[in-house]
Amino acid sequence: MVVDKMRFGPVQSPSEYETLSWMETIADLLVDSGLVLMDIEIITESVGVIIATR
């Protein structure tokens, strides 16, 4: 399991989120490491769940 904060959409206060990775970047890294993305659930602009399996 990988847990990290990431951006899922545009932010309203960039200073709070400017160092967070974009969800697409994290998803690409998971795929590049051999995982298959099963689902992505966006909860808020900085909270979400990426479900991946080998």
PDB file of N, CA and C in Angstrom:
ATOM      1  N   MET A   1       0.841  -1.172   0.000  1.00  0.00           N
ATOM      2  CA  MET A   1       0.000   0.000   0.000  1.00  0.00           C
ATOM      3  C   MET A   1       0.890   1.240   0.000  1.00  0.00           C
ATOM      4  N   VAL A   2       0.510   2.203  -0.801  1.00  0.00           N
ATOM      5  CA  VAL A   2       1.221   3.474  -0.853  1.00  0.00           C
ATOM      6  C   VAL A   2       0.256   4.557  -0.399  1.00  0.00           C
ATOM      7  N   VAL A   3       0.685   5.373   0.529  1.00  0.00           N
ATOM      8  CA  VAL A   3      -0.172   6.452   1.022  1.00  0.00           C
ATOM      9  C   VAL A   3       0.591   7.756   0.906  1.00  0.00           C
ATOM     10  N   ASP A   4      -0.029   8.744   0.285  1.00  0.00           N
ATOM     11  CA  ASP A   4       0.595  10.048   0.150  1.00  0.00           C
ATOM     12  C   ASP A   4      -0.482  11.052  -0.221  1.00  0.00           C
ATOM     13  N   LYS A   5      -0.245  12.304   0.088  1.00  0.00           N
ATOM     14  CA  LYS A   5      -1.146  13.352  -0.375  1.00  0.00           C
ATOM     15  C   LYS A   5      -0.777  13.693  -1.807  1.00  0.00           C
ATOM     16  N   MET A   6      -1.773  14.023  -2.591  1.00  0.00           N
ATOM     17  CA  MET A   6      -1.537  14.408  -3.981  1.00  0.00           C
ATOM     18  C   MET A   6      -2.666  15.305  -4.438  1.00  0.00           C
ATOM     19  N   ARG A   7      -2.432  16.014  -5.510  1.00  0.00           N
ATOM     20  CA  ARG A   7      -3.452  16.905  -6.073  1.00  0.00           C
ATOM     21  C   ARG A   7      -4.348  16.122  -7.013  1.00  0.00           C
ATOM     22  N   PHE A   8      -5.657  16.274  -6.854  1.00  0.00           N
ATOM     23  CA  PHE A   8      -6.613  15.643  -7.748  1.00  0.00           C
ATOM     24  C   PHE A   8      -7.308  16.660  -8.643  1.00  0.00           C
ATOM     25  N   GLY A   9      -7.105  17.926  -8.405  1.00  0.00           N
ATOM     26  CA  GLY A   9      -7.761  18.945  -9.212  1.00  0.00           C
ATOM     27  C   GLY A   9      -7.201  20.307  -8.900  1.00  0.00           C
ATOM     28  N   PRO A  10      -7.797  21.339  -9.494  1.00  0.00           N
ATOM     29  CA  PRO A  10      -7.314  22.695  -9.249  1.00  0.00           C
ATOM     30  C   PRO A  10      -7.429  23.049  -7.763  1.00  0.00           C
ATOM     31  N   VAL A  11      -6.504  23.826  -7.296  1.00  0.00           N
ATOM     32  CA  VAL A  11      -6.510  24.199  -5.876  1.00  0.00           C
ATOM     33  C   VAL A  11      -6.924  25.656  -5.716  1.00  0.00           C
ATOM     34  N   GLN A  12      -7.547  25.935  -4.594  1.00  0.00           N
ATOM     35  CA  GLN A  12      -7.993  27.293  -4.348  1.00  0.00           C
ATOM     36  C   GLN A  12      -6.929  28.118  -3.645  1.00  0.00           C
ATOM     37  N   SER A  13      -6.050  27.483  -2.898  1.00  0.00           N
ATOM     38  CA  SER A  13      -4.961  28.199  -2.236  1.00  0.00           C
ATOM     39  C   SER A  13      -3.648  27.492  -2.572  1.00  0.00           C
ATOM     40  N   PRO A  14      -3.031  27.866  -3.686  1.00  0.00           N
ATOM     41  CA  PRO A  14      -1.844  27.169  -4.181  1.00  0.00           C
ATOM     42  C   PRO A  14      -0.709  27.040  -3.171  1.00  0.00           C
ATOM     43  N   SER A  15      -0.541  27.992  -2.278  1.00  0.00           N
ATOM     44  CA  SER A  15       0.581  27.920  -1.357  1.00  0.00           C
ATOM     45  C   SER A  15       0.511  26.679  -0.469  1.00  0.00           C
ATOM     46  N   GLU A  16      -0.692  26.212  -0.148  1.00  0.00           N
ATOM     47  CA  GLU A  16      -0.839  25.028   0.685  1.00  0.00           C
ATOM     48  C   GLU A  16      -0.518  23.745  -0.070  1.00  0.00           C
ATOM     49  N   TYR A  17      -0.698  23.738  -1.367  1.00  0.00           N
ATOM     50  CA  TYR A  17      -0.589  22.507  -2.138  1.00  0.00           C
ATOM     51  C   TYR A  17       0.505  22.531  -3.196  1.00  0.00           C
ATOM     52  N   GLU A  18       1.301  23.583  -3.251  1.00  0.00           N
ATOM     53  CA  GLU A  18       2.236  23.718  -4.363  1.00  0.00           C
ATOM     54  C   GLU A  18       3.282  22.606  -4.422  1.00  0.00           C
ATOM     55  N   THR A  19       3.546  21.921  -3.313  1.00  0.00           N
ATOM     56  CA  THR A  19       4.545  20.855  -3.332  1.00  0.00           C
ATOM     57  C   THR A  19       3.944  19.464  -3.516  1.00  0.00           C
ATOM     58  N   LEU A  20       2.621  19.367  -3.618  1.00  0.00           N
ATOM     59  CA  LEU A  20       1.998  18.058  -3.798  1.00  0.00           C
ATOM     60  C   LEU A  20       2.101  17.603  -5.244  1.00  0.00           C
ATOM     61  N   SER A  21       2.304  16.312  -5.421  1.00  0.00           N
ATOM     62  CA  SER A  21       2.333  15.733  -6.766  1.00  0.00           C
ATOM     63  C   SER A  21       0.922  15.667  -7.330  1.00  0.00           C
ATOM     64  N   TRP A  22       0.816  15.725  -8.642  1.00  0.00           N
ATOM     65  CA  TRP A  22      -0.467  15.545  -9.308  1.00  0.00           C
ATOM     66  C   TRP A  22      -0.833  14.070  -9.271  1.00  0.00           C
ATOM     67  N   MET A  23      -2.111  13.783  -9.151  1.00  0.00           N
ATOM     68  CA  MET A  23      -2.600  12.413  -9.129  1.00  0.00           C
ATOM     69  C   MET A  23      -2.122  11.651 -10.355  1.00  0.00           C
ATOM     70  N   GLU A  24      -2.114  12.302 -11.508  1.00  0.00           N
ATOM     71  CA  GLU A  24      -1.683  11.631 -12.731  1.00  0.00           C
ATOM     72  C   GLU A  24      -0.226  11.172 -12.636  1.00  0.00           C
ATOM     73  N   THR A  25       0.617  11.956 -11.984  1.00  0.00           N
ATOM     74  CA  THR A  25       2.021  11.594 -11.817  1.00  0.00           C
ATOM     75  C   THR A  25       2.149  10.348 -10.952  1.00  0.00           C
ATOM     76  N   ILE A  26       1.422  10.310  -9.835  1.00  0.00           N
ATOM     77  CA  ILE A  26       1.455   9.155  -8.949  1.00  0.00           C
ATOM     78  C   ILE A  26       0.898   7.932  -9.669  1.00  0.00           C
ATOM     79  N   ALA A  27      -0.193   8.091 -10.390  1.00  0.00           N
ATOM     80  CA  ALA A  27      -0.791   6.978 -11.129  1.00  0.00           C
ATOM     81  C   ALA A  27       0.201   6.441 -12.165  1.00  0.00           C
ATOM     82  N   ASP A  28       0.876   7.327 -12.887  1.00  0.00           N
ATOM     83  CA  ASP A  28       1.879   6.899 -13.876  1.00  0.00           C
ATOM     84  C   ASP A  28       3.014   6.122 -13.218  1.00  0.00           C
ATOM     85  N   LEU A  29       3.468   6.578 -12.060  1.00  0.00           N
ATOM     86  CA  LEU A  29       4.539   5.883 -11.345  1.00  0.00           C
ATOM     87  C   LEU A  29       4.099   4.484 -10.912  1.00  0.00           C
ATOM     88  N   LEU A  30       2.870   4.359 -10.460  1.00  0.00           N
ATOM     89  CA  LEU A  30       2.362   3.041 -10.079  1.00  0.00           C
ATOM     90  C   LEU A  30       2.309   2.100 -11.283  1.00  0.00           C
ATOM     91  N   VAL A  31       1.817   2.598 -12.411  1.00  0.00           N
ATOM     92  CA  VAL A  31       1.749   1.789 -13.632  1.00  0.00           C
ATOM     93  C   VAL A  31       3.154   1.420 -14.104  1.00  0.00           C
ATOM     94  N   ASP A  32       4.073   2.392 -14.084  1.00  0.00           N
ATOM     95  CA  ASP A  32       5.452   2.130 -14.501  1.00  0.00           C
ATOM     96  C   ASP A  32       6.137   1.084 -13.623  1.00  0.00           C
ATOM     97  N   SER A  33       5.676   0.948 -12.371  1.00  0.00           N
ATOM     98  CA  SER A  33       6.279  -0.039 -11.474  1.00  0.00           C
ATOM     99  C   SER A  33       5.635  -1.410 -11.612  1.00  0.00           C
ATOM    100  N   GLY A  34       4.695  -1.543 -12.547  1.00  0.00           N
ATOM    101  CA  GLY A  34       4.114  -2.847 -12.828  1.00  0.00           C
ATOM    102  C   GLY A  34       2.734  -3.076 -12.239  1.00  0.00           C
ATOM    103  N   LEU A  35       2.154  -2.070 -11.617  1.00  0.00           N
ATOM    104  CA  LEU A  35       0.818  -2.220 -11.047  1.00  0.00           C
ATOM    105  C   LEU A  35      -0.247  -1.875 -12.080  1.00  0.00           C
ATOM    106  N   VAL A  36      -1.437  -2.407 -11.888  1.00  0.00           N
ATOM    107  CA  VAL A  36      -2.581  -2.107 -12.742  1.00  0.00           C
ATOM    108  C   VAL A  36      -3.562  -1.287 -11.923  1.00  0.00           C
ATOM    109  N   LEU A  37      -3.932  -0.114 -12.433  1.00  0.00           N
ATOM    110  CA  LEU A  37      -4.890   0.735 -11.731  1.00  0.00           C
ATOM    111  C   LEU A  37      -6.279   0.130 -11.856  1.00  0.00           C
ATOM    112  N   MET A  38      -6.933  -0.044 -10.717  1.00  0.00           N
ATOM    113  CA  MET A  38      -8.278  -0.609 -10.696  1.00  0.00           C
ATOM    114  C   MET A  38      -9.342   0.479 -10.568  1.00  0.00           C
ATOM    115  N   ASP A  39      -9.028   1.528  -9.792  1.00  0.00           N
ATOM    116  CA  ASP A  39     -10.011   2.594  -9.572  1.00  0.00           C
ATOM    117  C   ASP A  39      -9.313   3.819  -9.003  1.00  0.00           C
ATOM    118  N   ILE A  40      -9.872   4.981  -9.262  1.00  0.00           N
ATOM    119  CA  ILE A  40      -9.419   6.232  -8.663  1.00  0.00           C
ATOM    120  C   ILE A  40     -10.661   6.934  -8.136  1.00  0.00           C
ATOM    121  N   GLU A  41     -10.678   7.210  -6.836  1.00  0.00           N
ATOM    122  CA  GLU A  41     -11.809   7.899  -6.224  1.00  0.00           C
ATOM    123  C   GLU A  41     -11.334   9.239  -5.694  1.00  0.00           C
ATOM    124  N   ILE A  42     -11.887  10.303  -6.231  1.00  0.00           N
ATOM    125  CA  ILE A  42     -11.539  11.649  -5.802  1.00  0.00           C
ATOM    126  C   ILE A  42     -12.512  12.062  -4.709  1.00  0.00           C
ATOM    127  N   ILE A  43     -11.966  12.412  -3.544  1.00  0.00           N
ATOM    128  CA  ILE A  43     -12.797  12.817  -2.416  1.00  0.00           C
ATOM    129  C   ILE A  43     -12.817  14.337  -2.309  1.00  0.00           C
ATOM    130  N   THR A  44     -11.651  14.974  -2.276  1.00  0.00           N
ATOM    131  CA  THR A  44     -11.520  16.423  -2.347  1.00  0.00           C
ATOM    132  C   THR A  44     -10.343  16.707  -3.262  1.00  0.00           C
ATOM    133  N   GLU A  45      -9.980  17.989  -3.414  1.00  0.00           N
ATOM    134  CA  GLU A  45      -8.886  18.323  -4.336  1.00  0.00           C
ATOM    135  C   GLU A  45      -7.528  17.803  -3.876  1.00  0.00           C
ATOM    136  N   SER A  46      -7.377  17.449  -2.607  1.00  0.00           N
ATOM    137  CA  SER A  46      -6.105  16.896  -2.157  1.00  0.00           C
ATOM    138  C   SER A  46      -6.250  15.539  -1.469  1.00  0.00           C
ATOM    139  N   VAL A  47      -7.431  14.976  -1.500  1.00  0.00           N
ATOM    140  CA  VAL A  47      -7.656  13.672  -0.875  1.00  0.00           C
ATOM    141  C   VAL A  47      -8.350  12.762  -1.878  1.00  0.00           C
ATOM    142  N   GLY A  48      -7.812  11.582  -2.023  1.00  0.00           N
ATOM    143  CA  GLY A  48      -8.404  10.616  -2.905  1.00  0.00           C
ATOM    144  C   GLY A  48      -7.784   9.255  -2.691  1.00  0.00           C
ATOM    145  N   VAL A  49      -8.274   8.280  -3.398  1.00  0.00           N
ATOM    146  CA  VAL A  49      -7.806   6.914  -3.262  1.00  0.00           C
ATOM    147  C   VAL A  49      -7.483   6.384  -4.650  1.00  0.00           C
ATOM    148  N   ILE A  50      -6.300   5.827  -4.792  1.00  0.00           N
ATOM    149  CA  ILE A  50      -5.933   5.113  -6.012  1.00  0.00           C
ATOM    150  C   ILE A  50      -5.828   3.645  -5.633  1.00  0.00           C
ATOM    151  N   ILE A  51      -6.596   2.797  -6.272  1.00  0.00           N
ATOM    152  CA  ILE A  51      -6.544   1.368  -6.004  1.00  0.00           C
ATOM    153  C   ILE A  51      -5.815   0.704  -7.158  1.00  0.00           C
ATOM    154  N   ALA A  52      -4.744  -0.015  -6.801  1.00  0.00           N
ATOM    155  CA  ALA A  52      -3.925  -0.670  -7.805  1.00  0.00           C
ATOM    156  C   ALA A  52      -3.586  -2.076  -7.334  1.00  0.00           C
ATOM    157  N   THR A  53      -3.325  -2.968  -8.276  1.00  0.00           N
ATOM    158  CA  THR A  53      -2.978  -4.340  -7.960  1.00  0.00           C
ATOM    159  C   THR A  53      -1.877  -4.812  -8.892  1.00  0.00           C
ATOM    160  N   ARG A  54      -1.207  -5.869  -8.490  1.00  0.00           N
ATOM    161  CA  ARG A  54      -0.155  -6.447  -9.349  1.00  0.00           C
ATOM    162  C   ARG A  54      -0.747  -7.388 -10.343  1.00  0.00           C
TER     163      ARG A  54
END
